[in-house]
PDB file of N, CA and C in Angstrom:
ATOM      1  N   UNK A   1       0.840  -1.178   0.000  1.00  0.00           N
ATOM      2  CA  UNK A   1       0.000   0.000   0.000  1.00  0.00           C
ATOM      3  C   UNK A   1       0.879   1.233   0.000  1.00  0.00           C
ATOM      4  N   UNK A   2       0.582   2.159  -0.838  1.00  0.00           N
ATOM      5  CA  UNK A   2       1.321   3.413  -0.893  1.00  0.00           C
ATOM      6  C   UNK A   2       0.437   4.530  -0.360  1.00  0.00           C
ATOM      7  N   UNK A   3       0.729   5.026   0.856  1.00  0.00           N
ATOM      8  CA  UNK A   3      -0.090   6.090   1.414  1.00  0.00           C
ATOM      9  C   UNK A   3       0.101   7.395   0.654  1.00  0.00           C
ATOM     10  N   UNK A   4      -0.913   8.229   0.715  1.00  0.00           N
ATOM     11  CA  UNK A   4      -0.815   9.527   0.049  1.00  0.00           C
ATOM     12  C   UNK A   4      -0.132  10.525   0.967  1.00  0.00           C
ATOM     13  N   UNK A   5       0.420  11.612   0.403  1.00  0.00           N
ATOM     14  CA  UNK A   5       1.061  12.622   1.240  1.00  0.00           C
ATOM     15  C   UNK A   5       0.099  13.262   2.232  1.00  0.00           C
ATOM     16  N   UNK A   6      -1.211  13.119   2.007  1.00  0.00           N
ATOM     17  CA  UNK A   6      -2.179  13.700   2.923  1.00  0.00           C
ATOM     18  C   UNK A   6      -2.580  12.735   4.034  1.00  0.00           C
ATOM     19  N   UNK A   7      -1.857  11.613   4.173  1.00  0.00           N
ATOM     20  CA  UNK A   7      -2.151  10.650   5.228  1.00  0.00           C
ATOM     21  C   UNK A   7      -1.954  11.302   6.594  1.00  0.00           C
ATOM     22  N   UNK A   8      -2.658  10.820   7.607  1.00  0.00           N
ATOM     23  CA  UNK A   8      -2.537  11.414   8.943  1.00  0.00           C
ATOM     24  C   UNK A   8      -1.139  11.248   9.535  1.00  0.00           C
ATOM     25  N   UNK A   9      -0.769  12.078  10.521  1.00  0.00           N
ATOM     26  CA  UNK A   9       0.576  12.027  11.100  1.00  0.00           C
ATOM     27  C   UNK A   9       0.891  10.720  11.815  1.00  0.00           C
ATOM     28  N   UNK A  10      -0.127   9.938  12.145  1.00  0.00           N
ATOM     29  CA  UNK A  10       0.141   8.664  12.825  1.00  0.00           C
ATOM     30  C   UNK A  10       0.186   7.490  11.848  1.00  0.00           C
ATOM     31  N   UNK A  11       0.256   7.779  10.541  1.00  0.00           N
ATOM     32  CA  UNK A  11       0.367   6.729   9.531  1.00  0.00           C
ATOM     33  C   UNK A  11       1.796   6.687   8.996  1.00  0.00           C
ATOM     34  N   UNK A  12       2.317   5.491   8.845  1.00  0.00           N
ATOM     35  CA  UNK A  12       3.660   5.298   8.305  1.00  0.00           C
ATOM     36  C   UNK A  12       3.675   5.743   6.845  1.00  0.00           C
ATOM     37  N   UNK A  13       4.623   6.594   6.449  1.00  0.00           N
ATOM     38  CA  UNK A  13       4.684   7.030   5.055  1.00  0.00           C
ATOM     39  C   UNK A  13       5.138   5.928   4.102  1.00  0.00           C
ATOM     40  N   UNK A  14       5.678   4.838   4.636  1.00  0.00           N
ATOM     41  CA  UNK A  14       6.138   3.748   3.783  1.00  0.00           C
ATOM     42  C   UNK A  14       5.038   2.734   3.495  1.00  0.00           C
ATOM     43  N   UNK A  15       4.234   2.396   4.529  1.00  0.00           N
ATOM     44  CA  UNK A  15       3.232   1.344   4.339  1.00  0.00           C
ATOM     45  C   UNK A  15       1.813   1.778   4.660  1.00  0.00           C
ATOM     46  N   UNK A  16       1.634   2.913   5.346  1.00  0.00           N
ATOM     47  CA  UNK A  16       0.309   3.403   5.677  1.00  0.00           C
ATOM     48  C   UNK A  16      -0.262   2.870   6.975  1.00  0.00           C
ATOM     49  N   UNK A  17       0.422   1.924   7.599  1.00  0.00           N
ATOM     50  CA  UNK A  17      -0.046   1.375   8.866  1.00  0.00           C
ATOM     51  C   UNK A  17       0.259   2.365   9.997  1.00  0.00           C
ATOM     52  N   UNK A  18      -0.349   2.189  11.181  1.00  0.00           N
ATOM     53  CA  UNK A  18      -0.046   3.088  12.310  1.00  0.00           C
ATOM     54  C   UNK A  18       1.450   3.078  12.619  1.00  0.00           C
ATOM     55  N   UNK A  19       2.023   4.271  12.808  1.00  0.00           N
ATOM     56  CA  UNK A  19       3.465   4.348  13.059  1.00  0.00           C
ATOM     57  C   UNK A  19       3.825   4.281  14.540  1.00  0.00           C
ATOM     58  N   UNK A  20       2.818   4.283  15.406  1.00  0.00           N
ATOM     59  CA  UNK A  20       3.025   4.161  16.851  1.00  0.00           C
ATOM     60  C   UNK A  20       3.908   5.269  17.406  1.00  0.00           C
ATOM     61  N   UNK A  21       3.884   6.435  16.764  1.00  0.00           N
ATOM     62  CA  UNK A  21       4.712   7.566  17.175  1.00  0.00           C
ATOM     63  C   UNK A  21       4.149   8.209  18.436  1.00  0.00           C
ATOM     64  N   UNK A  22       4.989   8.376  19.448  1.00  0.00           N
ATOM     65  CA  UNK A  22       4.562   8.999  20.699  1.00  0.00           C
ATOM     66  C   UNK A  22       4.165  10.454  20.466  1.00  0.00           C
ATOM     67  N   UNK A  23       4.950  11.183  19.687  1.00  0.00           N
ATOM     68  CA  UNK A  23       4.650  12.593  19.436  1.00  0.00           C
ATOM     69  C   UNK A  23       3.326  12.753  18.684  1.00  0.00           C
ATOM     70  N   UNK A  24       3.064  11.900  17.703  1.00  0.00           N
ATOM     71  CA  UNK A  24       1.827  11.991  16.926  1.00  0.00           C
ATOM     72  C   UNK A  24       0.605  11.706  17.790  1.00  0.00           C
ATOM     73  N   UNK A  25       0.805  10.900  18.838  1.00  0.00           N
ATOM     74  CA  UNK A  25      -0.316  10.581  19.718  1.00  0.00           C
ATOM     75  C   UNK A  25      -0.403  11.519  20.916  1.00  0.00           C
ATOM     76  N   UNK A  26       0.507  12.498  20.995  1.00  0.00           N
ATOM     77  CA  UNK A  26       0.476  13.464  22.090  1.00  0.00           C
ATOM     78  C   UNK A  26       1.214  13.029  23.342  1.00  0.00           C
ATOM     79  N   UNK A  27       1.912  11.908  23.275  1.00  0.00           N
ATOM     80  CA  UNK A  27       2.666  11.413  24.431  1.00  0.00           C
ATOM     81  C   UNK A  27       4.055  12.049  24.477  1.00  0.00           C
ATOM     82  N   UNK A  28       4.763  11.787  25.548  1.00  0.00           N
ATOM     83  CA  UNK A  28       6.123  12.283  25.729  1.00  0.00           C
ATOM     84  C   UNK A  28       7.028  11.681  24.651  1.00  0.00           C
ATOM     85  N   UNK A  29       7.699  12.504  23.851  1.00  0.00           N
ATOM     86  CA  UNK A  29       8.578  11.976  22.795  1.00  0.00           C
ATOM     87  C   UNK A  29       9.656  11.035  23.326  1.00  0.00           C
ATOM     88  N   UNK A  30      10.068  11.201  24.560  1.00  0.00           N
ATOM     89  CA  UNK A  30      11.102  10.333  25.137  1.00  0.00           C
ATOM     90  C   UNK A  30      10.607   8.905  25.335  1.00  0.00           C
ATOM     91  N   UNK A  31       9.295   8.698  25.249  1.00  0.00           N
ATOM     92  CA  UNK A  31       8.727   7.367  25.415  1.00  0.00           C
ATOM     93  C   UNK A  31       8.512   6.658  24.076  1.00  0.00           C
ATOM     94  N   UNK A  32       8.921   7.278  22.986  1.00  0.00           N
ATOM     95  CA  UNK A  32       8.672   6.706  21.669  1.00  0.00           C
ATOM     96  C   UNK A  32       9.530   5.452  21.440  1.00  0.00           C
ATOM     97  N   UNK A  33       8.943   4.504  20.742  1.00  0.00           N
ATOM     98  CA  UNK A  33       9.623   3.246  20.435  1.00  0.00           C
ATOM     99  C   UNK A  33      10.902   3.474  19.643  1.00  0.00           C
ATOM    100  N   UNK A  34      10.925   4.539  18.814  1.00  0.00           N
ATOM    101  CA  UNK A  34      12.062   4.742  17.916  1.00  0.00           C
ATOM    102  C   UNK A  34      13.348   5.080  18.659  1.00  0.00           C
ATOM    103  N   UNK A  35      13.239   5.509  19.907  1.00  0.00           N
ATOM    104  CA  UNK A  35      14.438   5.802  20.687  1.00  0.00           C
ATOM    105  C   UNK A  35      15.035   4.543  21.306  1.00  0.00           C
ATOM    106  N   UNK A  36      14.331   3.426  21.160  1.00  0.00           N
ATOM    107  CA  UNK A  36      14.784   2.168  21.754  1.00  0.00           C
ATOM    108  C   UNK A  36      15.336   1.176  20.738  1.00  0.00           C
ATOM    109  N   UNK A  37      15.239   1.504  19.445  1.00  0.00           N
ATOM    110  CA  UNK A  37      15.680   0.574  18.396  1.00  0.00           C
ATOM    111  C   UNK A  37      16.599   1.291  17.414  1.00  0.00           C
ATOM    112  N   UNK A  38      17.290   0.515  16.616  1.00  0.00           N
ATOM    113  CA  UNK A  38      18.078   1.067  15.526  1.00  0.00           C
ATOM    114  C   UNK A  38      17.195   1.092  14.288  1.00  0.00           C
ATOM    115  N   UNK A  39      17.020   2.274  13.717  1.00  0.00           N
ATOM    116  CA  UNK A  39      16.199   2.418  12.522  1.00  0.00           C
ATOM    117  C   UNK A  39      17.075   2.169  11.303  1.00  0.00           C
ATOM    118  N   UNK A  40      16.603   1.307  10.432  1.00  0.00           N
ATOM    119  CA  UNK A  40      17.343   0.955   9.224  1.00  0.00           C
ATOM    120  C   UNK A  40      17.496   2.167   8.305  1.00  0.00           C
ATOM    121  N   UNK A  41      18.738   2.502   7.959  1.00  0.00           N
ATOM    122  CA  UNK A  41      18.971   3.599   7.009  1.00  0.00           C
ATOM    123  C   UNK A  41      18.358   3.260   5.656  1.00  0.00           C
ATOM    124  N   UNK A  42      18.376   1.989   5.307  1.00  0.00           N
ATOM    125  CA  UNK A  42      17.793   1.568   4.036  1.00  0.00           C
ATOM    126  C   UNK A  42      16.292   1.859   4.019  1.00  0.00           C
ATOM    127  N   UNK A  43      15.626   1.639   5.148  1.00  0.00           N
ATOM    128  CA  UNK A  43      14.184   1.916   5.223  1.00  0.00           C
ATOM    129  C   UNK A  43      13.929   3.398   5.025  1.00  0.00           C
ATOM    130  N   UNK A  44      14.722   4.235   5.642  1.00  0.00           N
ATOM    131  CA  UNK A  44      14.543   5.680   5.495  1.00  0.00           C
ATOM    132  C   UNK A  44      14.845   6.127   4.070  1.00  0.00           C
ATOM    133  N   UNK A  45      15.839   5.528   3.444  1.00  0.00           N
ATOM    134  CA  UNK A  45      16.211   5.943   2.094  1.00  0.00           C
ATOM    135  C   UNK A  45      15.154   5.556   1.062  1.00  0.00           C
ATOM    136  N   UNK A  46      14.307   4.579   1.381  1.00  0.00           N
ATOM    137  CA  UNK A  46      13.254   4.171   0.450  1.00  0.00           C
ATOM    138  C   UNK A  46      12.046   5.103   0.480  1.00  0.00           C
ATOM    139  N   UNK A  47      11.997   6.016   1.443  1.00  0.00           N
ATOM    140  CA  UNK A  47      10.866   6.951   1.517  1.00  0.00           C
ATOM    141  C   UNK A  47      10.956   7.978   0.403  1.00  0.00           C
ATOM    142  N   UNK A  48       9.809   8.373  -0.144  1.00  0.00           N
ATOM    143  CA  UNK A  48       9.823   9.443  -1.141  1.00  0.00           C
ATOM    144  C   UNK A  48      10.394  10.717  -0.511  1.00  0.00           C
ATOM    145  N   UNK A  49      11.121  11.482  -1.278  1.00  0.00           N
ATOM    146  CA  UNK A  49      11.784  12.689  -0.788  1.00  0.00           C
ATOM    147  C   UNK A  49      10.812  13.602  -0.031  1.00  0.00           C
ATOM    148  N   UNK A  50       9.604  13.782  -0.551  1.00  0.00           N
ATOM    149  CA  UNK A  50       8.651  14.702   0.075  1.00  0.00           C
ATOM    150  C   UNK A  50       8.121  14.185   1.407  1.00  0.00           C
ATOM    151  N   UNK A  51       8.313  12.897   1.722  1.00  0.00           N
ATOM    152  CA  UNK A  51       7.850  12.323   2.987  1.00  0.00           C
ATOM    153  C   UNK A  51       8.922  12.338   4.073  1.00  0.00           C
ATOM    154  N   UNK A  52      10.161  12.527   3.694  1.00  0.00           N
ATOM    155  CA  UNK A  52      11.257  12.463   4.674  1.00  0.00           C
ATOM    156  C   UNK A  52      11.170  13.618   5.657  1.00  0.00           C
ATOM    157  N   UNK A  53      11.247  13.279   6.938  1.00  0.00           N
ATOM    158  CA  UNK A  53      11.206  14.289   7.991  1.00  0.00           C
ATOM    159  C   UNK A  53       9.818  14.836   8.276  1.00  0.00           C
ATOM    160  N   UNK A  54       8.790  14.252   7.658  1.00  0.00           N
ATOM    161  CA  UNK A  54       7.427  14.741   7.851  1.00  0.00           C
ATOM    162  C   UNK A  54       6.643  13.893   8.849  1.00  0.00           C
ATOM    163  N   UNK A  55       6.784  12.566   8.716  1.00  0.00           N
ATOM    164  CA  UNK A  55       6.079  11.626   9.591  1.00  0.00           C
ATOM    165  C   UNK A  55       7.010  10.472   9.918  1.00  0.00           C
ATOM    166  N   UNK A  56       6.743   9.826  11.025  1.00  0.00           N
ATOM    167  CA  UNK A  56       7.555   8.670  11.425  1.00  0.00           C
ATOM    168  C   UNK A  56       7.140   7.427  10.658  1.00  0.00           C
ATOM    169  N   UNK A  57       8.112   6.552  10.427  1.00  0.00           N
ATOM    170  CA  UNK A  57       7.786   5.254   9.864  1.00  0.00           C
ATOM    171  C   UNK A  57       7.400   4.334  11.020  1.00  0.00           C
ATOM    172  N   UNK A  58       6.798   3.214  10.718  1.00  0.00           N
ATOM    173  CA  UNK A  58       6.350   2.282  11.751  1.00  0.00           C
ATOM    174  C   UNK A  58       7.501   1.362  12.184  1.00  0.00           C
ATOM    175  N   UNK A  59       7.346   0.680  13.321  1.00  0.00           N
ATOM    176  CA  UNK A  59       8.415  -0.216  13.797  1.00  0.00           C
ATOM    177  C   UNK A  59       8.775  -1.313  12.800  1.00  0.00           C
ATOM    178  N   UNK A  60       7.805  -1.840  12.083  1.00  0.00           N
ATOM    179  CA  UNK A  60       8.091  -2.912  11.119  1.00  0.00           C
ATOM    180  C   UNK A  60       8.951  -2.376   9.982  1.00  0.00           C
ATOM    181  N   UNK A  61       8.553  -1.251   9.402  1.00  0.00           N
ATOM    182  CA  UNK A  61       9.333  -0.669   8.304  1.00  0.00           C
ATOM    183  C   UNK A  61      10.709  -0.205   8.786  1.00  0.00           C
ATOM    184  N   UNK A  62      10.791   0.268  10.007  1.00  0.00           N
ATOM    185  CA  UNK A  62      12.066   0.760  10.544  1.00  0.00           C
ATOM    186  C   UNK A  62      13.105  -0.341  10.637  1.00  0.00           C
ATOM    187  N   UNK A  63      12.661  -1.561  10.822  1.00  0.00           N
ATOM    188  CA  UNK A  63      13.591  -2.680  10.968  1.00  0.00           C
ATOM    189  C   UNK A  63      13.741  -3.504   9.706  1.00  0.00           C
ATOM    190  N   UNK A  64      13.054  -3.127   8.651  1.00  0.00           N
ATOM    191  CA  UNK A  64      13.111  -3.885   7.404  1.00  0.00           C
ATOM    192  C   UNK A  64      14.368  -3.505   6.633  1.00  0.00           C
ATOM    193  N   UNK A  65      15.295  -4.442   6.476  1.00  0.00           N
ATOM    194  CA  UNK A  65      16.527  -4.121   5.737  1.00  0.00           C
ATOM    195  C   UNK A  65      16.267  -4.045   4.239  1.00  0.00           C
ATOM    196  N   UNK A  66      17.159  -3.406   3.561  1.00  0.00           N
ATOM    197  CA  UNK A  66      17.120  -3.354   2.106  1.00  0.00           C
ATOM    198  C   UNK A  66      17.456  -4.759   1.610  1.00  0.00           C
ATOM    199  N   UNK A  67      16.658  -5.326   0.720  1.00  0.00           N
ATOM    200  CA  UNK A  67      16.965  -6.675   0.220  1.00  0.00           C
ATOM    201  C   UNK A  67      18.373  -6.801  -0.339  1.00  0.00           C
ATOM    202  N   UNK A  68      18.935  -5.734  -0.863  1.00  0.00           N
ATOM    203  CA  UNK A  68      20.294  -5.789  -1.407  1.00  0.00           C
ATOM    204  C   UNK A  68      21.336  -5.977  -0.310  1.00  0.00           C
ATOM    205  N   UNK A  69      20.963  -5.647   0.934  1.00  0.00           N
ATOM    206  CA  UNK A  69      21.899  -5.782   2.051  1.00  0.00           C
ATOM    207  C   UNK A  69      21.884  -7.170   2.672  1.00  0.00           C
ATOM    208  N   UNK A  70      20.921  -7.993   2.272  1.00  0.00           N
ATOM    209  CA  UNK A  70      20.808  -9.328   2.849  1.00  0.00           C
ATOM    210  C   UNK A  70      21.687 -10.270   2.047  1.00  0.00           C
ATOM    211  N   UNK A  71      22.567 -10.936   2.738  1.00  0.00           N
ATOM    212  CA  UNK A  71      23.437 -11.900   2.062  1.00  0.00           C
ATOM    213  C   UNK A  71      23.102 -13.295   2.556  1.00  0.00           C
ATOM    214  N   UNK A  72      23.247 -14.232   1.700  1.00  0.00           N
ATOM    215  CA  UNK A  72      23.045 -15.620   2.084  1.00  0.00           C
ATOM    216  C   UNK A  72      24.412 -16.271   2.135  1.00  0.00           C
ATOM    217  N   UNK A  73      24.598 -17.101   3.120  1.00  0.00           N
ATOM    218  CA  UNK A  73      25.902 -17.760   3.234  1.00  0.00           C
ATOM    219  C   UNK A  73      26.147 -18.692   2.044  1.00  0.00           C
ATOM    220  N   UNK A  74      27.375 -18.732   1.629  1.00  0.00           N
ATOM    221  CA  UNK A  74      27.749 -19.630   0.535  1.00  0.00           C
ATOM    222  C   UNK A  74      27.887 -21.040   1.064  1.00  0.00           C
ATOM    223  N   UNK A  75      28.217 -21.957   0.194  1.00  0.00           N
ATOM    224  CA  UNK A  75      28.386 -23.339   0.651  1.00  0.00           C
ATOM    225  C   UNK A  75      29.505 -23.426   1.665  1.00  0.00           C
ATOM    226  N   UNK A  76      29.238 -24.150   2.700  1.00  0.00           N
ATOM    227  CA  UNK A  76      30.247 -24.312   3.745  1.00  0.00           C
ATOM    228  C   UNK A  76      31.021 -25.586   3.492  1.00  0.00           C
ATOM    229  N   UNK A  77      32.302 -25.531   3.752  1.00  0.00           N
ATOM    230  CA  UNK A  77      33.119 -26.724   3.573  1.00  0.00           C
ATOM    231  C   UNK A  77      33.575 -27.204   4.925  1.00  0.00           C
ATOM    232  N   UNK A  78      33.661 -28.472   5.064  1.00  0.00           N
ATOM    233  CA  UNK A  78      34.112 -29.072   6.324  1.00  0.00           C
ATOM    234  C   UNK A  78      35.636 -29.126   6.300  1.00  0.00           C
ATOM    235  N   UNK A  79      36.198 -28.752   7.414  1.00  0.00           N
ATOM    236  CA  UNK A  79      37.657 -28.838   7.555  1.00  0.00           C
ATOM    237  C   UNK A  79      37.971 -30.090   8.350  1.00  0.00           C
ATOM    238  N   UNK A  80      38.791 -30.927   7.764  1.00  0.00           N
ATOM    239  CA  UNK A  80      39.167 -32.172   8.445  1.00  0.00           C
ATOM    240  C   UNK A  80      40.432 -32.027   9.195  1.00  0.00           C
TER     241      UNK A  80
END
């Protein structure tokens, strides 16, 4: 789902789901989930330019790595 730029402040600009932002809900910003996790730079870079810095992304999108960054291990060899 691609949310529109007119989506509410509590909607993730990447997926449109609730972003669980403390500030958007009127709570203390220090209690926000985003201060407790590492937000994926790849997730932020996938946001449209006009959405950056406007609304928070959701916890799921924040932790979603860029598929190009995911590596699969190659064949392992046994050492005798």
